[in-house]
Protein backbone atom coordinates (compact mmCIF):
# COMPACT_ATOMS: atom_id res chain seq x y z
CA GLU A 1 58.60 100.86 112.29
CA LEU A 2 62.44 100.91 112.92
CA ARG A 3 63.10 97.97 110.66
CA PRO A 4 64.49 100.47 107.95
CA LEU A 5 67.22 101.16 110.43
CA ILE A 6 68.31 97.62 110.93
CA GLY A 7 71.01 95.98 108.52
CA TRP A 8 72.89 99.16 107.06
CA ASN A 9 76.26 98.50 105.68
CA ARG A 10 79.34 100.37 106.79
CA ASP A 11 79.54 102.77 103.86
CA ALA A 12 75.81 103.91 104.41
CA LEU A 13 76.50 104.33 108.22
CA LEU A 14 79.45 106.59 107.64
CA GLU A 15 77.65 108.65 105.06
CA ALA A 16 74.84 109.21 107.37
CA PHE A 17 77.41 110.41 110.19
CA GLU A 18 79.18 112.70 107.75
CA ALA A 19 75.93 114.23 106.84
CA PHE A 20 74.97 114.72 110.45
CA ARG A 21 78.31 116.31 111.22
CA SER A 22 78.30 118.45 108.19
CA SER A 23 74.80 119.90 108.95
CA THR A 24 74.61 123.21 110.94
CA LEU A 25 72.98 121.73 113.80
CA VAL A 26 74.59 123.02 117.10
CA SER A 27 73.60 119.84 119.00
CA SER A 28 72.98 116.34 118.34
CA ALA A 29 69.16 116.61 118.65
CA VAL A 30 67.21 116.35 115.45
CA ASP A 31 63.59 116.78 114.46
CA SER A 32 61.85 114.38 112.20
CA ASP A 33 62.70 116.17 108.94
CA GLY A 34 66.33 116.54 109.96
CA LEU A 35 66.42 112.88 110.60
CA ARG A 36 64.84 112.27 107.22
CA ARG A 37 67.43 114.47 105.41
CA ILE A 38 70.49 112.91 107.27
CA LEU A 39 69.41 109.28 106.68
CA GLY A 40 68.44 109.91 103.04
CA TRP A 41 64.75 108.98 103.22
CA HIS A 42 62.16 110.06 100.52
CA ALA A 43 59.32 108.49 102.21
CA ARG A 44 57.86 110.89 104.99
CA GLU A 45 55.52 108.42 106.47
CA GLU A 46 58.22 105.93 107.01
CA ALA A 47 60.46 108.56 108.66
CA ASP A 48 57.73 109.82 111.06
CA ALA A 49 56.67 106.29 111.99
CA ALA A 50 60.31 105.72 112.85
CA PHE A 51 60.79 108.87 114.56
CA ALA A 52 57.71 108.23 116.86
CA GLN A 53 59.23 105.10 117.90
CA LEU A 54 62.59 106.64 118.90
CA ARG A 55 60.69 108.24 121.72
CA PRO A 56 61.06 112.05 120.83
CA ARG A 57 61.37 114.60 123.54
CA GLY A 58 60.21 118.07 122.78
CA GLY A 59 59.92 116.81 118.97
CA ARG A 60 63.51 115.90 118.84
CA VAL A 61 65.59 112.88 119.27
CA ASP A 62 69.39 112.51 119.97
CA PHE A 63 70.95 111.30 116.65
CA LEU A 64 74.12 109.89 118.42
CA GLN A 65 71.51 107.54 120.29
CA VAL A 66 69.94 106.60 117.26
CA LEU A 67 73.27 106.09 115.09
CA GLY A 68 74.87 104.08 117.95
CA ALA A 69 71.82 101.55 117.95
CA MET A 70 72.05 101.41 114.18
CA VAL A 71 75.76 100.52 114.30
CA VAL A 72 74.97 97.62 116.67
CA ALA A 73 72.14 96.64 114.29
CA SER A 74 74.10 96.95 111.27
CA ASP A 75 75.48 94.27 108.99
CA GLN A 76 78.96 94.67 110.07
CA HIS A 77 81.24 92.06 111.98
CA PHE A 78 81.05 92.36 115.58
CA VAL A 79 84.82 93.84 115.80
CA SER A 80 84.07 96.38 113.02
CA LYS A 81 81.09 97.58 114.99
CA ALA A 82 83.39 98.15 117.81
CA THR A 83 85.68 100.13 115.42
CA THR A 84 82.89 102.18 114.12
CA LEU A 85 81.36 103.22 117.52
CA PHE A 86 85.10 104.18 118.77
CA SER A 87 85.84 106.25 115.74
CA MET A 88 82.47 108.17 115.95
CA HIS A 89 82.93 109.16 119.60
CA ASP A 90 86.74 109.92 119.00
CA LEU A 91 85.79 113.39 117.27
CA GLY A 92 89.20 114.71 117.47
CA GLY A 93 90.69 111.68 115.65
CA ALA A 94 93.60 111.29 118.45
CA GLY A 95 93.16 107.53 118.54
CA THR A 96 91.88 107.62 122.26
CA LEU A 97 88.89 107.80 124.20
CA SER A 98 88.86 109.49 127.88
CA ARG A 99 86.52 108.08 130.53
CA ALA A 100 83.92 110.87 129.72
CA ASP A 101 83.94 110.01 126.17
CA PHE A 102 83.48 106.28 127.06
CA CYS A 103 80.55 107.14 129.52
CA ILE A 104 78.81 109.03 126.62
CA LEU A 105 79.34 106.23 124.31
CA VAL A 106 77.82 103.77 126.69
CA LEU A 107 74.86 106.12 127.80
CA THR A 108 73.84 106.87 124.08
CA LEU A 109 74.28 103.33 122.92
CA PHE A 110 72.00 101.90 125.60
CA LYS A 111 69.35 104.61 125.37
CA GLY A 112 69.33 104.20 121.53
CA LEU A 113 69.02 100.40 121.97
CA ALA A 114 66.08 100.76 124.33
CA CYS A 115 64.15 101.83 121.42
CA PHE A 116 65.38 99.10 119.15
CA ILE A 117 64.90 96.12 121.39
CA GLN A 118 61.59 95.42 123.24
CA GLY A 119 62.26 95.05 126.83
CA GLN A 120 65.68 96.68 126.86
CA PRO A 121 65.68 99.21 129.88
CA SER A 122 66.98 102.68 129.27
CA PRO A 123 69.95 103.37 131.53
CA GLU A 124 70.22 106.39 133.89
CA ILE A 125 73.54 108.19 133.95
CA ALA A 126 74.43 106.19 137.33
CA GLU A 127 74.01 102.96 135.39
CA ALA A 128 76.21 104.16 132.49
CA GLU A 129 78.71 105.25 134.95
CA ALA A 130 78.77 101.89 136.63
CA ILE A 131 79.30 100.20 133.38
CA THR A 132 82.15 102.62 132.39
CA ASP A 133 83.88 101.93 135.52
CA SER A 134 83.67 98.34 134.88
CA VAL A 135 84.83 98.07 131.30
CA PHE A 136 86.92 101.19 131.01
CA GLY A 137 88.56 100.40 134.63
CA HIS A 138 89.54 96.84 133.27
CA ILE A 139 91.08 98.18 129.95
CA ASP A 140 92.80 101.41 131.57
CA ALA A 141 94.74 99.01 134.30
CA HIS A 142 97.07 101.84 135.14
CA ARG A 143 94.53 104.51 135.42
CA ASP A 144 96.15 106.77 132.78
CA GLY A 145 92.65 108.26 132.24
CA PHE A 146 92.30 107.02 128.35
CA VAL A 147 91.97 103.97 126.48
CA THR A 148 93.18 103.36 122.80
CA LEU A 149 91.27 101.73 119.78
CA GLY A 150 93.49 98.73 119.89
CA GLU A 151 92.92 98.06 123.49
CA CYS A 152 89.16 98.37 122.93
CA LEU A 153 89.35 95.95 119.95
CA THR A 154 91.20 93.56 122.00
CA PHE A 155 88.66 93.83 124.78
CA ALA A 156 85.85 93.35 121.94
CA TYR A 157 87.38 89.97 120.71
CA ARG A 158 87.71 88.75 124.24
CA SER A 159 84.39 89.90 125.76
CA LEU A 160 81.64 87.36 125.46
CA VAL A 161 79.14 90.00 126.64
CA TRP A 162 80.04 92.37 123.89
CA ARG A 163 80.24 89.52 121.32
CA HIS A 164 76.55 88.15 122.42
CA PHE A 165 75.24 91.76 122.57
CA ALA A 166 76.85 93.00 119.12
CA CYS A 167 75.66 89.57 117.52
CA SER A 168 72.07 89.77 118.76
CA PHE A 169 71.28 91.38 115.16
CA ALA A 170 72.29 89.10 112.21
CA SER A 171 75.42 90.28 110.37
CA GLY A 172 76.25 89.25 106.90
CA ASP A 173 79.53 91.16 106.22
CA PRO A 174 82.68 89.00 106.98
CA VAL A 175 85.27 91.90 106.44
CA ILE A 176 86.84 92.99 109.67
CA PHE A 177 87.96 96.51 110.12
CA GLU A 178 90.45 97.29 112.76
CA GLU A 179 91.74 100.82 111.41
CA GLN A 180 90.30 103.97 112.94
CA ILE A 181 88.03 106.13 110.78
CA HIS A 182 89.02 109.48 110.26
CA PHE A 183 86.27 111.75 109.29
CA GLU A 184 86.77 114.96 107.18
CA PHE A 185 83.92 117.51 107.51
CA ASP A 186 83.18 120.48 105.38
CA HIS A 187 80.77 122.48 107.75
CA SER A 188 80.04 124.99 104.91
CA SER A 189 78.20 122.19 103.00
CA PRO A 190 74.54 121.51 103.29
CA ALA A 191 73.45 118.20 104.98
CA MET A 192 72.85 115.36 102.64
CA GLU A 193 69.91 115.72 100.26
CA PRO A 194 67.28 112.89 100.57
CA ALA A 195 68.07 109.89 98.50
CA ASP A 196 66.42 106.66 97.82
CA SER A 197 66.32 104.88 100.99
CA THR A 198 66.48 101.35 99.69
CA SER A 199 69.75 102.11 98.03
CA SER A 200 71.39 103.83 100.90
CA ARG A 201 70.72 100.89 103.18
CA ALA A 202 71.55 98.20 100.73
CA PHE A 203 74.06 95.58 101.70
CA SER A 204 77.33 96.09 100.04
CA ASP A 205 77.86 93.92 96.98
CA CYS A 206 81.49 92.79 97.85
CA ALA A 207 80.26 91.71 101.34
CA SER A 208 79.36 88.36 99.74
CA ASP A 209 82.69 88.17 97.95
CA PHE A 210 84.99 86.61 100.43
CA GLU A 211 88.29 86.15 98.74
CA PRO A 212 88.77 89.91 97.52
CA GLN A 213 88.35 90.87 100.92
CA ARG A 214 91.62 89.10 102.18
CA CYS A 215 93.85 91.86 101.37
CA VAL A 216 96.93 90.94 99.65
CA LEU A 217 100.16 92.35 101.08
CA LYS A 218 102.00 93.23 97.91
CA ALA A 219 98.96 94.37 95.88
CA SER A 220 99.86 98.02 96.22
CA ARG A 221 102.87 100.07 95.68
CA ARG A 222 101.91 102.33 98.85
CA LEU A 223 104.10 101.53 101.61
CA ARG A 224 101.55 102.38 104.06
CA HIS A 225 99.50 99.46 102.64
CA ARG A 226 102.13 97.04 102.47
CA ILE A 227 103.51 97.66 106.16
CA ARG A 228 100.25 97.46 107.84
CA THR A 229 99.23 94.34 109.62
CA THR A 230 95.39 94.89 109.93
CA PRO A 231 92.91 93.05 107.73
CA ASP A 232 91.16 96.38 106.52
CA PRO A 233 90.65 96.59 102.72
CA GLY A 234 93.56 98.60 100.97
CA ASP A 235 91.78 101.94 101.00
CA ALA A 236 91.03 101.91 104.71
CA LEU A 237 94.30 104.04 105.32
CA ASP A 238 93.57 106.42 102.80
CA ASN A 239 91.29 108.45 104.65
CA ARG A 240 93.99 108.89 107.62
CA PRO A 241 95.21 112.36 108.26
CA PRO A 242 98.91 112.92 107.49
CA VAL A 243 100.26 112.24 110.91
CA PRO A 244 99.30 112.55 114.45
CA LEU A 245 103.01 112.04 115.22
CA LEU A 246 104.20 115.04 113.32
CA PRO A 247 103.87 118.72 114.06
CA CYS A 248 100.61 120.22 113.00
CA THR A 249 101.54 123.17 110.77
CA GLY A 250 99.88 124.53 107.80
CA THR A 251 96.33 125.78 107.21
CA GLY A 252 94.61 122.49 107.47
CA ARG A 253 92.19 121.38 110.04
CA SER A 254 93.82 120.68 113.42
CA ARG A 255 93.33 117.45 115.44
CA ALA A 256 93.64 116.52 118.78
CA SER A 257 97.00 115.31 119.84
CA ARG A 258 97.53 111.75 120.67
CA ARG A 259 97.63 110.87 124.34
CA ARG A 260 100.64 108.70 125.35
CA ARG A 261 101.40 106.43 128.22
CA PRO A 262 104.79 106.15 129.70
CA TRP A 263 106.61 103.39 128.52
CA ARG A 264 106.14 100.05 130.63
CA ARG A 265 107.80 96.77 129.78
CA PRO A 266 105.44 93.95 129.40
CA SER A 267 105.76 90.98 131.89
CA GLY A 268 103.67 88.45 130.03
CA VAL A 269 105.24 88.84 126.44
CA SER A 270 108.53 89.71 125.07
CA ARG A 271 110.24 90.50 121.66
CA ALA A 272 111.29 86.91 121.33
CA THR A 273 107.52 86.01 121.48
CA ALA A 274 106.55 88.63 118.98
CA TRP A 275 109.19 87.38 116.51
CA ASN A 276 107.91 83.78 116.74
CA LEU A 277 104.21 85.18 116.54
CA TRP A 278 105.12 87.36 113.57
CA ARG A 279 106.77 84.56 111.62
CA LEU A 280 103.88 82.08 112.38
CA PHE A 281 101.19 84.81 111.22
CA LEU A 282 103.50 85.51 108.03
CA HIS A 283 103.64 81.83 107.22
CA LEU A 284 99.86 80.95 107.80
CA ALA A 285 98.43 84.26 106.08
CA GLY A 286 100.72 84.09 103.25
CA GLU A 287 100.16 86.96 100.92
CA TYR A 288 97.01 88.17 103.05
CA ARG A 289 96.53 89.85 106.22
CA THR A 290 94.50 87.20 107.71
CA MET A 291 94.45 83.44 108.38
CA ASP A 292 91.60 81.32 107.27
CA ALA A 293 89.78 80.70 110.45
CA GLN A 294 88.86 76.96 109.42
CA ASP A 295 92.43 76.12 108.27
CA LEU A 296 93.72 77.55 111.43
CA LEU A 297 91.39 75.30 113.42
CA ARG A 298 92.37 72.15 111.90
CA ILE A 299 96.01 73.12 112.34
CA LEU A 300 95.66 73.83 115.95
CA SER A 301 93.45 70.58 116.59
CA ASP A 302 96.66 68.43 115.94
CA ASP A 303 99.43 69.17 118.27
CA LEU A 304 102.11 67.36 116.11
CA ARG A 305 100.81 69.25 113.09
CA THR A 306 101.09 72.55 115.01
CA GLY A 307 104.70 71.93 115.98
CA VAL A 308 105.68 71.17 112.40
CA VAL A 309 104.05 74.33 111.06
CA LEU A 310 105.74 76.33 113.57
CA GLU A 311 109.13 74.80 112.92
CA GLU A 312 108.56 75.64 109.10
CA ALA A 313 107.49 79.31 110.06
CA VAL A 314 110.53 80.17 112.16
CA THR A 315 113.04 78.37 110.05
CA THR A 316 114.63 80.74 107.52
CA THR A 317 117.64 80.34 105.31
CA ASP A 318 118.08 84.12 104.49
CA ASP A 319 119.47 86.94 106.70
CA ILE A 320 116.55 89.19 106.16
CA TRP A 321 115.82 88.97 109.83
CA PRO A 322 117.95 86.87 112.38
CA ARG A 323 116.26 85.25 115.31
CA PRO A 324 116.24 87.63 118.23
CA PRO A 325 117.98 86.45 121.51
CA GLY A 326 115.46 83.91 123.36
CA ALA A 327 113.37 83.09 120.22
CA GLN A 328 114.70 79.76 119.83
CA GLU A 329 114.61 79.08 123.70
CA ILE A 330 110.95 79.92 124.12
CA LEU A 331 109.87 78.11 120.79
CA GLN A 332 108.44 75.02 122.68
CA HIS A 333 106.63 76.96 125.34
CA PHE A 334 105.21 79.27 122.37
CA CYS A 335 104.12 76.32 120.80
CA LEU A 336 102.15 75.08 123.92
CA GLN A 337 100.56 78.42 124.10
CA VAL A 338 99.07 78.77 120.52
CA SER A 339 98.12 75.09 120.47
CA GLY A 340 96.35 74.92 124.04
CA GLY A 341 92.75 73.79 124.32
CA HIS A 342 91.53 77.34 125.30
CA VAL A 343 92.82 78.71 121.94
CA ARG A 344 90.64 76.06 119.99
CA GLU A 345 87.65 76.82 122.08
CA ARG A 346 87.92 80.61 121.56
CA LEU A 347 88.66 80.22 118.01
CA GLN A 348 85.55 78.03 117.45
CA ALA A 349 83.48 80.69 119.27
CA LEU A 350 84.55 83.21 116.88
CA ILE A 351 83.70 81.04 113.88
CA ASP A 352 80.17 80.46 115.45
CA VAL A 353 79.40 84.09 115.12
CA GLY A 354 80.58 84.21 111.42
CA THR A 355 84.26 84.91 111.74
CA SER A 356 85.91 83.60 108.54
CA PHE A 357 89.17 85.12 108.86
CA ILE A 358 91.47 85.59 111.94
CA SER A 359 93.57 88.94 112.10
CA LEU A 360 97.00 89.28 114.03
CA ARG A 361 95.01 90.90 116.93
CA GLY A 362 92.32 88.40 116.85
CA PHE A 363 94.73 85.59 117.28
CA CYS A 364 96.76 87.51 120.10
CA SER A 365 93.20 87.87 121.77
CA ILE A 366 92.58 84.18 122.04
CA VAL A 367 96.04 83.02 122.58
CA TRP A 368 96.76 85.20 125.50
CA PRO A 369 93.27 85.83 127.06
CA LEU A 370 94.58 86.96 130.32
CA VAL A 371 97.50 89.22 129.34
CA PRO A 372 96.30 92.88 129.96
CA GLU A 373 95.19 94.97 126.63
CA TRP A 374 98.19 97.15 126.93
CA GLU A 375 100.64 94.47 126.83
CA LEU A 376 99.11 93.05 123.90
CA GLU A 377 99.46 96.40 122.09
CA THR A 378 103.08 96.34 122.86
CA LEU A 379 103.36 92.84 121.42
CA ILE A 380 101.41 93.89 118.29
CA GLY A 381 103.69 96.95 118.13
CA TRP A 382 106.61 94.83 117.95
CA CYS A 383 105.03 92.55 115.45
CA LYS A 384 104.35 95.62 113.26
CA ALA A 385 108.07 96.46 113.42
CA TYR A 386 109.29 93.09 112.34
CA HIS A 387 106.96 93.17 109.57
CA MET A 388 107.97 96.81 108.50
CA LYS A 389 111.56 95.54 108.33
CA PHE A 390 110.52 92.65 106.08
CA VAL A 391 108.66 94.83 103.96
CA LEU A 392 111.45 97.49 103.61
CA THR A 393 114.04 94.62 102.61
CA GLN A 394 111.73 93.73 99.81
CA VAL A 395 111.38 97.32 98.76
CA ILE A 396 115.09 97.74 98.85
CA ALA A 397 115.63 94.65 96.60
CA GLU A 398 112.76 95.99 94.22
CA MET A 399 114.52 99.34 93.85
CA ARG A 400 117.73 97.67 92.75
CA GLU A 401 115.73 96.63 89.89
CA ASP A 402 114.55 99.98 89.01
CA TRP A 403 111.18 99.75 90.76
CA GLU A 404 110.07 103.00 92.12
CA PRO A 405 107.86 102.90 95.38
CA VAL A 406 105.15 105.54 95.78
CA LEU A 407 105.78 107.54 99.08
CA ASP A 408 104.19 110.53 100.38
CA ALA A 409 103.76 112.15 103.85
CA THR A 410 101.23 109.74 105.10
CA ASP A 411 103.46 106.78 104.01
CA MET A 412 106.36 108.45 106.22
CA ALA A 413 103.94 109.08 109.00
CA ALA A 414 102.86 105.30 108.99
CA MET A 415 106.64 104.27 109.13
CA LEU A 416 107.51 106.72 111.80
CA GLU A 417 104.56 105.50 113.88
CA VAL A 418 106.07 101.99 113.67
CA LEU A 419 109.45 103.31 114.70
CA ASP A 420 107.86 104.56 117.88
CA GLY A 421 108.35 101.17 119.34
CA ASN A 422 108.47 101.99 122.79
CA GLY A 423 104.96 103.81 122.70
CA ASP A 424 106.21 107.13 124.07
CA GLY A 425 105.59 109.10 120.99
CA LYS A 426 109.20 110.51 120.86
CA LEU A 427 110.00 108.95 117.42
CA MET A 428 112.87 107.00 118.54
CA VAL A 429 115.27 110.07 118.40
CA ASP A 430 116.54 109.56 121.89
CA ASP A 431 117.17 106.04 121.42
CA PHE A 432 119.09 106.87 118.18
CA ARG A 433 121.24 109.29 120.26
CA THR A 434 121.90 106.58 123.01
CA ARG A 435 122.74 103.88 120.57
CA GLY A 436 125.04 106.12 118.53
CA ARG A 437 125.27 104.08 115.48
CA VAL A 438 122.57 105.58 113.48
CA ASN A 439 122.81 108.93 111.85
CA LEU A 440 120.81 111.23 113.79
CA HIS A 441 121.06 114.07 111.44
CA SER A 442 119.64 111.85 108.75
CA VAL A 443 116.77 110.73 110.95
CA LYS A 444 115.93 114.31 111.83
CA GLN A 445 116.00 114.93 108.12
CA ILE A 446 113.36 112.37 107.50
CA ILE A 447 111.08 113.74 110.33
CA ALA A 448 111.60 117.40 108.80
CA ALA A 449 111.17 116.20 105.35
CA ALA A 450 107.55 114.49 106.56
CA ALA A 451 106.56 117.67 108.40
CA ALA A 452 107.37 119.79 105.36
CA ALA A 453 105.41 117.54 103.08
CA VAL A 454 102.45 117.67 105.44
CA ALA A 455 102.70 121.58 105.65
CA ALA A 456 102.89 121.89 101.73
CA ALA A 457 100.08 119.48 101.21
CA ARG A 458 97.62 121.27 103.67
CA SER A 459 98.73 124.83 102.21
CA ARG A 460 97.73 123.88 98.86
CA SER A 461 94.36 122.45 100.17
CA THR A 462 91.42 124.71 99.03
CA SER A 463 89.07 123.08 101.46
CA PRO A 464 89.39 121.97 105.17
CA ALA A 465 87.58 118.87 104.20
CA THR A 466 90.10 117.69 101.41
CA PRO A 467 90.64 113.99 102.44
CA ALA A 468 94.28 112.89 103.50
CA ALA A 469 94.63 110.91 100.26
CA ALA A 470 94.20 113.89 97.99
CA LEU A 471 96.82 115.98 99.70
CA LYS A 472 99.93 115.46 97.30
CA PRO A 473 103.34 116.19 99.06
CA PRO A 474 106.31 117.85 97.06
CA ASN A 475 107.91 115.24 94.62
CA LEU A 476 110.80 113.47 96.07
CA SER A 477 113.63 112.20 93.85
CA LYS A 478 114.34 108.36 93.64
CA ALA A 479 117.71 109.10 95.50
CA GLU A 480 115.73 110.87 98.27
CA LEU A 481 113.05 108.06 98.51
CA LYS A 482 116.00 105.30 98.64
CA SER A 483 117.65 107.31 101.17
CA ILE A 484 114.61 107.43 103.47
CA ILE A 485 113.77 103.75 103.08
CA LEU A 486 117.35 102.92 103.78
CA GLN A 487 117.28 105.08 106.89
CA MET A 488 114.21 103.44 108.20
CA ASP A 489 115.43 100.13 107.41
CA LEU A 490 118.63 100.86 109.50
CA ALA A 491 116.85 102.29 112.35
CA LEU A 492 114.69 99.13 112.68
CA ALA A 493 117.86 97.06 112.43
CA GLU A 494 119.21 99.12 115.34
CA GLN A 495 116.27 98.95 117.54
CA PHE A 496 115.35 95.24 117.13
């Protein structure tokens, strides 16, 4: 009876979740008719049979339990399943989950799966809390009371339990999504009308088309697409709100403020490590945001070849970005880290569960399996900064040839987020002041311009559900664009 709920693709799941959130329901409990409308079923008999199998209480089932189980049973890659579950429970879009949020995720997920898997016990609250204490407590090593999406994804890459659990249902989509899904809801709209159930559940046509899913770095003029290092297809950032980092002004829907940890310097990785890592990833990924898993395995299986490839990756004849202090000194140690037997074993394990391409985060997760998740977040953040510097250098060269970039508030927000290199959410203004070599007034103008663009975009929005991609900021002249890009480039050069 529950077979129609298995094997959904990502887009169909997101449509169902938006239909649920856009409905007038005051709780997550739905009756049989409500479930049929949200999931887009015409066939009442099919819906009623599935509803009965979901163990309703008082004629209702918890839709979050149903959808959580559907995510695990979906056609997505096991990492994409973790991204989807996190996004659905981070209702404020802050990029973090509290311990209570995480416990609710665990409880609803396992209660839903108890209906999908024969013999799977339905956990009580105490059992869900025990699982939360184990997993959440491991990720939140400093007891800050929350975990980020990036930390959860690193855990998902590493955890054999999650991998086997999420792969217990066959998955055919090779695309990996690591960007958070930001939902925009219009609560004045009715729920989704019933549609043909087979079309809503159909596997994505592009899922079998591997090569186009490897996103080309320079395919878009959008800076937010070019500076990002995640493997998501190009439009994954277009549903992002223009900025958790900037002041929330205007008439648009407010979002939860992003919680920040105090800055802590990692002990297991360094900026020199990040530079070598970024150069190797850029060399092997080429124009894409991922490395071919089989090619990477062949390289790492030959120690001599690994050394040659790494030397080619870090050797540069230009002055785009000189090696940071210590990068050359740790190169031999770095080579031993990335070519270790544990890396090959973990890479092969990912290939065995259908992983065709390896992202930057995925590579970090298998190379440094014992480094805490928060330290790897810092390492990846440094890599993002190096990559943004690289992209901005390209953009500056292109602007000299009268190529005009497309830059809006969301692009500026993405750049400012990378500039928050120490993770404290202060947009590096204090660092500019202490260094004294960057024009602080210009930097503040950039921040003010981005905030004004957000406010103007929101004030022109006629519906609170207007997606971020549709919000158009005030037009900026080419000179203003160039000034912003040059200041960003200088800020990165000063920080790194």
